[in-house]
Amino acid sequence: MTYRVCLVCLGNICRSPMAEAVLRQTLADRGLADQVTVESAGTGGWHAGDPMDERALDILTRHGYDGSAHRAKQFTRDWFDRYDLVLAMDRDNLSQLRRMAPEGVEVRLFRSFDPAAPSGAEVPDPYYGGREGFEEVLALVESASEGVAKHIADEID
């Protein structure tokens, strides 16, 4: 049985696809790639079908991650049945996902798995800023991905 994870931000062109690439690699490094599927989506659909933001892709590529195949998708209510774990990049998207979620489905913040992050910590949206925002997002998702991978490993054992 494959464990399935979906990472969610607003437009699915910056934060969640960066986190998808990082988490996928983190899981592969732990030998879990064959047991876990990682995907990403946005709560908004205006970028559906678009590739990742060029700045996000550039940062990932420079750090050895592959995001080249990414195409943005919109998360919809019926997707909750597809996933074992749904993680939001920020509180706004968390709230939107919780409003959509069937009763009893848990949705968490991505950074809630980072022991160094304060409670309620978010992955900030770098879209309207410069390159440094994308570098910050990468550092945050790398840190949280270790905790997410540990959680998943515990779940599938």
C-alpha atoms as a PDB file:
ATOM      1  CA  MET A   1       0.000   0.000   0.000  1.00  0.00           C
ATOM      2  CA  THR A   2       1.298   3.453  -0.905  1.00  0.00           C
ATOM      3  CA  TYR A   3       1.110   6.305   1.592  1.00  0.00           C
ATOM      4  CA  ARG A   4      -0.042   9.479  -0.159  1.00  0.00           C
ATOM      5  CA  VAL A   5       0.763  13.084   0.800  1.00  0.00           C
ATOM      6  CA  CYS A   6      -0.469  16.346  -0.689  1.00  0.00           C
ATOM      7  CA  LEU A   7       1.193  19.691   0.050  1.00  0.00           C
ATOM      8  CA  VAL A   8      -1.006  22.734  -0.512  1.00  0.00           C
ATOM      9  CA  CYS A   9      -0.426  26.454  -1.017  1.00  0.00           C
ATOM     10  CA  LEU A  10      -2.413  29.114  -2.863  1.00  0.00           C
ATOM     11  CA  GLY A  11      -1.489  28.834  -6.546  1.00  0.00           C
ATOM     12  CA  ASN A  12       0.721  25.711  -6.599  1.00  0.00           C
ATOM     13  CA  ILE A  13       3.600  27.395  -8.414  1.00  0.00           C
ATOM     14  CA  CYS A  14       6.007  28.330  -5.576  1.00  0.00           C
ATOM     15  CA  ARG A  15       5.835  26.924  -2.058  1.00  0.00           C
ATOM     16  CA  SER A  16       4.008  23.628  -2.373  1.00  0.00           C
ATOM     17  CA  PRO A  17       5.877  22.427  -5.482  1.00  0.00           C
ATOM     18  CA  MET A  18       9.175  23.374  -3.829  1.00  0.00           C
ATOM     19  CA  ALA A  19       8.130  21.393  -0.752  1.00  0.00           C
ATOM     20  CA  GLU A  20       7.012  18.514  -2.994  1.00  0.00           C
ATOM     21  CA  ALA A  21      10.440  18.269  -4.649  1.00  0.00           C
ATOM     22  CA  VAL A  22      12.282  18.508  -1.329  1.00  0.00           C
ATOM     23  CA  LEU A  23      10.049  16.014   0.497  1.00  0.00           C
ATOM     24  CA  ARG A  24      10.224  13.569  -2.407  1.00  0.00           C
ATOM     25  CA  GLN A  25      14.046  13.683  -2.243  1.00  0.00           C
ATOM     26  CA  THR A  26      14.071  13.447   1.557  1.00  0.00           C
ATOM     27  CA  LEU A  27      11.911  10.335   1.385  1.00  0.00           C
ATOM     28  CA  ALA A  28      14.109   8.843  -1.342  1.00  0.00           C
ATOM     29  CA  ASP A  29      17.179   9.466   0.818  1.00  0.00           C
ATOM     30  CA  ARG A  30      15.467   7.491   3.609  1.00  0.00           C
ATOM     31  CA  GLY A  31      14.633   4.618   1.256  1.00  0.00           C
ATOM     32  CA  LEU A  32      10.905   5.368   1.307  1.00  0.00           C
ATOM     33  CA  ALA A  33      10.385   6.524  -2.290  1.00  0.00           C
ATOM     34  CA  ASP A  34       8.628   3.287  -3.302  1.00  0.00           C
ATOM     35  CA  GLN A  35       6.225   3.513  -0.364  1.00  0.00           C
ATOM     36  CA  VAL A  36       5.169   7.169  -0.539  1.00  0.00           C
ATOM     37  CA  THR A  37       3.638   9.361  -3.225  1.00  0.00           C
ATOM     38  CA  VAL A  38       4.104  13.117  -2.825  1.00  0.00           C
ATOM     39  CA  GLU A  39       2.016  15.611  -4.771  1.00  0.00           C
ATOM     40  CA  SER A  40       1.104  19.260  -4.449  1.00  0.00           C
ATOM     41  CA  ALA A  41      -1.816  21.500  -5.311  1.00  0.00           C
ATOM     42  CA  GLY A  42      -3.206  24.973  -4.750  1.00  0.00           C
ATOM     43  CA  THR A  43      -6.470  26.084  -3.211  1.00  0.00           C
ATOM     44  CA  GLY A  44      -6.831  28.482  -6.153  1.00  0.00           C
ATOM     45  CA  GLY A  45      -7.066  27.310  -9.726  1.00  0.00           C
ATOM     46  CA  TRP A  46      -5.856  30.253 -11.789  1.00  0.00           C
ATOM     47  CA  HIS A  47      -2.411  28.684 -12.408  1.00  0.00           C
ATOM     48  CA  ALA A  48      -3.741  25.161 -13.183  1.00  0.00           C
ATOM     49  CA  GLY A  49      -1.602  23.585 -15.887  1.00  0.00           C
ATOM     50  CA  ASP A  50       1.216  26.114 -15.512  1.00  0.00           C
ATOM     51  CA  PRO A  51       4.798  25.110 -14.710  1.00  0.00           C
ATOM     52  CA  MET A  52       6.477  26.116 -11.476  1.00  0.00           C
ATOM     53  CA  ASP A  53       7.485  29.759 -11.040  1.00  0.00           C
ATOM     54  CA  GLU A  54      10.864  30.180 -12.762  1.00  0.00           C
ATOM     55  CA  ARG A  55      12.447  31.594  -9.610  1.00  0.00           C
ATOM     56  CA  ALA A  56      11.310  28.611  -7.548  1.00  0.00           C
ATOM     57  CA  LEU A  57      12.552  26.170 -10.182  1.00  0.00           C
ATOM     58  CA  ASP A  58      15.908  27.975 -10.389  1.00  0.00           C
ATOM     59  CA  ILE A  59      16.439  27.770  -6.613  1.00  0.00           C
ATOM     60  CA  LEU A  60      15.501  24.085  -6.555  1.00  0.00           C
ATOM     61  CA  THR A  61      17.781  23.263  -9.471  1.00  0.00           C
ATOM     62  CA  ARG A  62      20.718  25.139  -7.919  1.00  0.00           C
ATOM     63  CA  HIS A  63      20.302  23.034  -4.777  1.00  0.00           C
ATOM     64  CA  GLY A  64      20.042  19.690  -6.572  1.00  0.00           C
ATOM     65  CA  TYR A  65      16.279  19.149  -6.624  1.00  0.00           C
ATOM     66  CA  ASP A  66      14.174  18.412  -9.699  1.00  0.00           C
ATOM     67  CA  GLY A  67      10.955  20.345 -10.158  1.00  0.00           C
ATOM     68  CA  SER A  68      10.971  20.420 -13.959  1.00  0.00           C
ATOM     69  CA  ALA A  69       7.932  18.199 -14.506  1.00  0.00           C
ATOM     70  CA  HIS A  70       5.634  20.167 -12.181  1.00  0.00           C
ATOM     71  CA  ARG A  71       2.296  21.430 -13.482  1.00  0.00           C
ATOM     72  CA  ALA A  72      -0.018  23.310 -11.138  1.00  0.00           C
ATOM     73  CA  LYS A  73      -3.237  21.681  -9.974  1.00  0.00           C
ATOM     74  CA  GLN A  74      -6.178  22.843  -7.868  1.00  0.00           C
ATOM     75  CA  PHE A  75      -7.113  20.942  -4.713  1.00  0.00           C
ATOM     76  CA  THR A  76     -10.812  20.111  -4.509  1.00  0.00           C
ATOM     77  CA  ARG A  77     -12.945  18.604  -1.759  1.00  0.00           C
ATOM     78  CA  ASP A  78     -13.049  15.147  -3.339  1.00  0.00           C
ATOM     79  CA  TRP A  79      -9.246  14.943  -3.162  1.00  0.00           C
ATOM     80  CA  PHE A  80      -9.318  14.278   0.579  1.00  0.00           C
ATOM     81  CA  ASP A  81     -10.178  10.649  -0.216  1.00  0.00           C
ATOM     82  CA  ARG A  82      -6.933  10.331  -2.192  1.00  0.00           C
ATOM     83  CA  TYR A  83      -4.512  11.286   0.579  1.00  0.00           C
ATOM     84  CA  ASP A  84      -3.374  10.029   3.946  1.00  0.00           C
ATOM     85  CA  LEU A  85      -1.857  13.393   4.861  1.00  0.00           C
ATOM     86  CA  VAL A  86      -2.734  16.901   3.644  1.00  0.00           C
ATOM     87  CA  LEU A  87      -0.403  19.723   4.694  1.00  0.00           C
ATOM     88  CA  ALA A  88      -0.923  23.438   4.167  1.00  0.00           C
ATOM     89  CA  MET A  89       1.883  25.946   3.737  1.00  0.00           C
ATOM     90  CA  ASP A  90       0.124  28.718   5.689  1.00  0.00           C
ATOM     91  CA  ARG A  91      -2.826  29.427   7.969  1.00  0.00           C
ATOM     92  CA  ASP A  92      -5.030  30.913   5.216  1.00  0.00           C
ATOM     93  CA  ASN A  93      -4.772  27.771   3.112  1.00  0.00           C
ATOM     94  CA  LEU A  94      -5.110  25.628   6.240  1.00  0.00           C
ATOM     95  CA  SER A  95      -8.411  27.375   7.030  1.00  0.00           C
ATOM     96  CA  GLN A  96      -9.661  26.924   3.491  1.00  0.00           C
ATOM     97  CA  LEU A  97      -8.736  23.227   3.500  1.00  0.00           C
ATOM     98  CA  ARG A  98     -10.391  22.690   6.876  1.00  0.00           C
ATOM     99  CA  ARG A  99     -13.605  24.256   5.558  1.00  0.00           C
ATOM    100  CA  MET A 100     -13.528  21.819   2.623  1.00  0.00           C
ATOM    101  CA  ALA A 101     -12.493  18.745   4.607  1.00  0.00           C
ATOM    102  CA  PRO A 102     -14.981  16.033   5.469  1.00  0.00           C
ATOM    103  CA  GLU A 103     -15.602  15.603   9.183  1.00  0.00           C
ATOM    104  CA  GLY A 104     -12.805  13.772  10.953  1.00  0.00           C
ATOM    105  CA  VAL A 105     -10.120  14.564   8.366  1.00  0.00           C
ATOM    106  CA  GLU A 106      -7.054  16.219   9.854  1.00  0.00           C
ATOM    107  CA  VAL A 107      -5.213  18.926   7.927  1.00  0.00           C
ATOM    108  CA  ARG A 108      -2.003  20.353   9.394  1.00  0.00           C
ATOM    109  CA  LEU A 109       0.546  23.034   8.720  1.00  0.00           C
ATOM    110  CA  PHE A 110       3.637  21.754   6.923  1.00  0.00           C
ATOM    111  CA  ARG A 111       5.989  23.418   9.401  1.00  0.00           C
ATOM    112  CA  SER A 112       4.217  21.795  12.362  1.00  0.00           C
ATOM    113  CA  PHE A 113       6.611  18.876  11.719  1.00  0.00           C
ATOM    114  CA  ASP A 114       9.698  21.057  12.214  1.00  0.00           C
ATOM    115  CA  PRO A 115      10.759  20.825  15.872  1.00  0.00           C
ATOM    116  CA  ALA A 116      12.698  24.095  15.530  1.00  0.00           C
ATOM    117  CA  ALA A 117       9.651  26.024  14.281  1.00  0.00           C
ATOM    118  CA  PRO A 118       7.396  27.912  16.679  1.00  0.00           C
ATOM    119  CA  SER A 119       3.785  26.780  16.996  1.00  0.00           C
ATOM    120  CA  GLY A 120       1.724  27.967  14.034  1.00  0.00           C
ATOM    121  CA  ALA A 121       4.783  28.671  11.875  1.00  0.00           C
ATOM    122  CA  GLU A 122       4.088  29.132   8.183  1.00  0.00           C
ATOM    123  CA  VAL A 123       5.987  28.926   4.923  1.00  0.00           C
ATOM    124  CA  PRO A 124       5.705  32.537   3.667  1.00  0.00           C
ATOM    125  CA  ASP A 125       4.623  33.251   0.099  1.00  0.00           C
ATOM    126  CA  PRO A 126       7.694  34.453  -1.857  1.00  0.00           C
ATOM    127  CA  TYR A 127       5.789  35.299  -5.054  1.00  0.00           C
ATOM    128  CA  TYR A 128       5.821  39.103  -4.757  1.00  0.00           C
ATOM    129  CA  GLY A 129       9.363  39.361  -3.413  1.00  0.00           C
ATOM    130  CA  GLY A 130      12.856  38.717  -4.642  1.00  0.00           C
ATOM    131  CA  ARG A 131      15.164  35.745  -4.837  1.00  0.00           C
ATOM    132  CA  GLU A 132      15.878  35.802  -1.094  1.00  0.00           C
ATOM    133  CA  GLY A 133      12.259  34.841  -0.393  1.00  0.00           C
ATOM    134  CA  PHE A 134      12.623  31.694  -2.477  1.00  0.00           C
ATOM    135  CA  GLU A 135      15.878  30.841  -0.702  1.00  0.00           C
ATOM    136  CA  GLU A 136      14.074  31.262   2.636  1.00  0.00           C
ATOM    137  CA  VAL A 137      11.245  28.982   1.482  1.00  0.00           C
ATOM    138  CA  LEU A 138      13.747  26.321   0.463  1.00  0.00           C
ATOM    139  CA  ALA A 139      15.465  26.438   3.852  1.00  0.00           C
ATOM    140  CA  LEU A 140      12.124  26.204   5.683  1.00  0.00           C
ATOM    141  CA  VAL A 141      10.834  23.288   3.618  1.00  0.00           C
ATOM    142  CA  GLU A 142      14.134  21.428   3.918  1.00  0.00           C
ATOM    143  CA  SER A 143      13.953  21.733   7.688  1.00  0.00           C
ATOM    144  CA  ALA A 144      10.303  20.655   7.927  1.00  0.00           C
ATOM    145  CA  SER A 145      10.690  17.838   5.386  1.00  0.00           C
ATOM    146  CA  GLU A 146      12.888  15.880   7.782  1.00  0.00           C
ATOM    147  CA  GLY A 147      10.086  15.900  10.362  1.00  0.00           C
ATOM    148  CA  VAL A 148       7.427  15.043   7.782  1.00  0.00           C
ATOM    149  CA  ALA A 149       9.549  12.124   6.550  1.00  0.00           C
ATOM    150  CA  LYS A 150       9.985  10.855  10.113  1.00  0.00           C
ATOM    151  CA  HIS A 151       6.227  11.096  10.710  1.00  0.00           C
ATOM    152  CA  ILE A 152       5.505   9.178   7.499  1.00  0.00           C
ATOM    153  CA  ALA A 153       8.099   6.513   8.337  1.00  0.00           C
ATOM    154  CA  ASP A 154       6.406   6.027  11.723  1.00  0.00           C
ATOM    155  CA  GLU A 155       2.985   5.835  10.056  1.00  0.00           C
ATOM    156  CA  ILE A 156       3.954   3.162   7.541  1.00  0.00           C
ATOM    157  CA  ASP A 157       5.910   0.971   9.952  1.00  0.00           C
END
